[in-house]
Amino acid sequence: MEQSNAFRQDIEAFQLAVKKLSDAVKQSGLDWNDKQFQKISDSIKMVASSSKRVIVSGSNCENAIRRFQRIESE
């Protein structure tokens, strides 16, 4: 159970980091909007999309850990 909680915290920290990065890029776009900004923005969108897959995979792993622990305790 402790491993599952630690894993969940890691996933949440990762998700928060990606959101902060995305928000920072969006905020800078108010002052700076050119081809370079567009490239950075597109890269952030790819990171956000990939992070969503990581989070979904993490949730699936967390569920598998819980099932394994339940079976192990029987």
C-alpha atoms as a PDB file:
ATOM      1  CA  MET A   1       0.000   0.000   0.000  1.00  0.00           C
ATOM      2  CA  GLU A   2       2.852   2.345   0.848  1.00  0.00           C
ATOM      3  CA  GLN A   3       4.387   1.806  -2.602  1.00  0.00           C
ATOM      4  CA  SER A   4       1.064   2.592  -4.235  1.00  0.00           C
ATOM      5  CA  ASN A   5       0.772   5.870  -2.330  1.00  0.00           C
ATOM      6  CA  ALA A   6       4.327   6.853  -3.237  1.00  0.00           C
ATOM      7  CA  PHE A   7       3.638   5.995  -6.880  1.00  0.00           C
ATOM      8  CA  ARG A   8       0.458   8.097  -6.850  1.00  0.00           C
ATOM      9  CA  GLN A   9       2.368  11.044  -5.357  1.00  0.00           C
ATOM     10  CA  ASP A  10       5.021  10.762  -8.068  1.00  0.00           C
ATOM     11  CA  ILE A  11       2.371  10.770 -10.788  1.00  0.00           C
ATOM     12  CA  GLU A  12       0.659  13.802  -9.239  1.00  0.00           C
ATOM     13  CA  ALA A  13       3.999  15.658  -8.977  1.00  0.00           C
ATOM     14  CA  PHE A  14       4.695  14.877 -12.640  1.00  0.00           C
ATOM     15  CA  GLN A  15       1.258  16.107 -13.659  1.00  0.00           C
ATOM     16  CA  LEU A  16       1.715  19.338 -11.682  1.00  0.00           C
ATOM     17  CA  ALA A  17       5.134  19.968 -13.274  1.00  0.00           C
ATOM     18  CA  VAL A  18       3.709  19.592 -16.783  1.00  0.00           C
ATOM     19  CA  LYS A  19       0.824  21.930 -15.943  1.00  0.00           C
ATOM     20  CA  LYS A  20       3.217  24.560 -14.545  1.00  0.00           C
ATOM     21  CA  LEU A  21       5.365  24.341 -17.664  1.00  0.00           C
ATOM     22  CA  SER A  22       2.329  24.678 -19.915  1.00  0.00           C
ATOM     23  CA  ASP A  23       0.979  27.631 -17.922  1.00  0.00           C
ATOM     24  CA  ALA A  24       4.358  29.404 -18.029  1.00  0.00           C
ATOM     25  CA  VAL A  25       4.571  29.049 -21.810  1.00  0.00           C
ATOM     26  CA  LYS A  26       1.001  30.276 -22.247  1.00  0.00           C
ATOM     27  CA  GLN A  27       1.701  33.261 -20.018  1.00  0.00           C
ATOM     28  CA  SER A  28       4.838  34.204 -21.933  1.00  0.00           C
ATOM     29  CA  GLY A  29       2.851  34.058 -25.164  1.00  0.00           C
ATOM     30  CA  LEU A  30       1.054  37.230 -24.140  1.00  0.00           C
ATOM     31  CA  ASP A  31       4.282  39.194 -24.558  1.00  0.00           C
ATOM     32  CA  TRP A  32       6.066  37.108 -27.131  1.00  0.00           C
ATOM     33  CA  ASN A  33       4.408  35.542 -30.153  1.00  0.00           C
ATOM     34  CA  ASP A  34       6.605  34.543 -33.088  1.00  0.00           C
ATOM     35  CA  LYS A  35       7.803  31.402 -34.852  1.00  0.00           C
ATOM     36  CA  GLN A  36      10.103  30.462 -31.977  1.00  0.00           C
ATOM     37  CA  PHE A  37       7.244  30.768 -29.488  1.00  0.00           C
ATOM     38  CA  GLN A  38       5.041  28.636 -31.747  1.00  0.00           C
ATOM     39  CA  LYS A  39       7.713  25.904 -31.826  1.00  0.00           C
ATOM     40  CA  ILE A  40       7.971  25.961 -28.032  1.00  0.00           C
ATOM     41  CA  SER A  41       4.193  25.942 -27.687  1.00  0.00           C
ATOM     42  CA  ASP A  42       3.896  22.975 -30.045  1.00  0.00           C
ATOM     43  CA  SER A  43       6.573  21.115 -28.074  1.00  0.00           C
ATOM     44  CA  ILE A  44       4.724  21.760 -24.823  1.00  0.00           C
ATOM     45  CA  LYS A  45       1.539  20.396 -26.372  1.00  0.00           C
ATOM     46  CA  MET A  46       3.420  17.214 -27.293  1.00  0.00           C
ATOM     47  CA  VAL A  47       4.785  16.945 -23.745  1.00  0.00           C
ATOM     48  CA  ALA A  48       1.290  17.449 -22.320  1.00  0.00           C
ATOM     49  CA  SER A  49      -0.121  14.772 -24.605  1.00  0.00           C
ATOM     50  CA  SER A  50       2.653  12.362 -23.669  1.00  0.00           C
ATOM     51  CA  SER A  51       2.219  13.153 -19.991  1.00  0.00           C
ATOM     52  CA  LYS A  52      -1.447  12.220 -20.240  1.00  0.00           C
ATOM     53  CA  ARG A  53      -0.414   8.808 -21.555  1.00  0.00           C
ATOM     54  CA  VAL A  54       2.094   8.483 -18.696  1.00  0.00           C
ATOM     55  CA  ILE A  55      -0.620   9.344 -16.166  1.00  0.00           C
ATOM     56  CA  VAL A  56      -3.063   6.838 -17.636  1.00  0.00           C
ATOM     57  CA  SER A  57      -0.366   4.167 -17.678  1.00  0.00           C
ATOM     58  CA  GLY A  58       0.532   5.079 -14.104  1.00  0.00           C
ATOM     59  CA  SER A  59      -3.067   4.671 -13.022  1.00  0.00           C
ATOM     60  CA  ASN A  60      -3.199   1.284 -14.722  1.00  0.00           C
ATOM     61  CA  CYS A  61      -0.009   0.244 -12.919  1.00  0.00           C
ATOM     62  CA  GLU A  62      -1.413   1.476  -9.634  1.00  0.00           C
ATOM     63  CA  ASN A  63      -4.541  -0.621 -10.155  1.00  0.00           C
ATOM     64  CA  ALA A  64      -2.403  -3.653 -10.980  1.00  0.00           C
ATOM     65  CA  ILE A  65      -0.375  -3.120  -7.798  1.00  0.00           C
ATOM     66  CA  ARG A  66      -3.566  -2.975  -5.735  1.00  0.00           C
ATOM     67  CA  ARG A  67      -4.874  -6.171  -7.335  1.00  0.00           C
ATOM     68  CA  PHE A  68      -1.565  -7.921  -6.732  1.00  0.00           C
ATOM     69  CA  GLN A  69      -1.528  -6.812  -3.086  1.00  0.00           C
ATOM     70  CA  ARG A  70      -5.104  -8.004  -2.633  1.00  0.00           C
ATOM     71  CA  ILE A  71      -4.235 -11.399  -4.087  1.00  0.00           C
ATOM     72  CA  GLU A  72      -1.048 -11.561  -2.064  1.00  0.00           C
ATOM     73  CA  SER A  73      -2.918 -10.933   1.195  1.00  0.00           C
ATOM     74  CA  GLU A  74      -5.434 -13.731   0.589  1.00  0.00           C
END
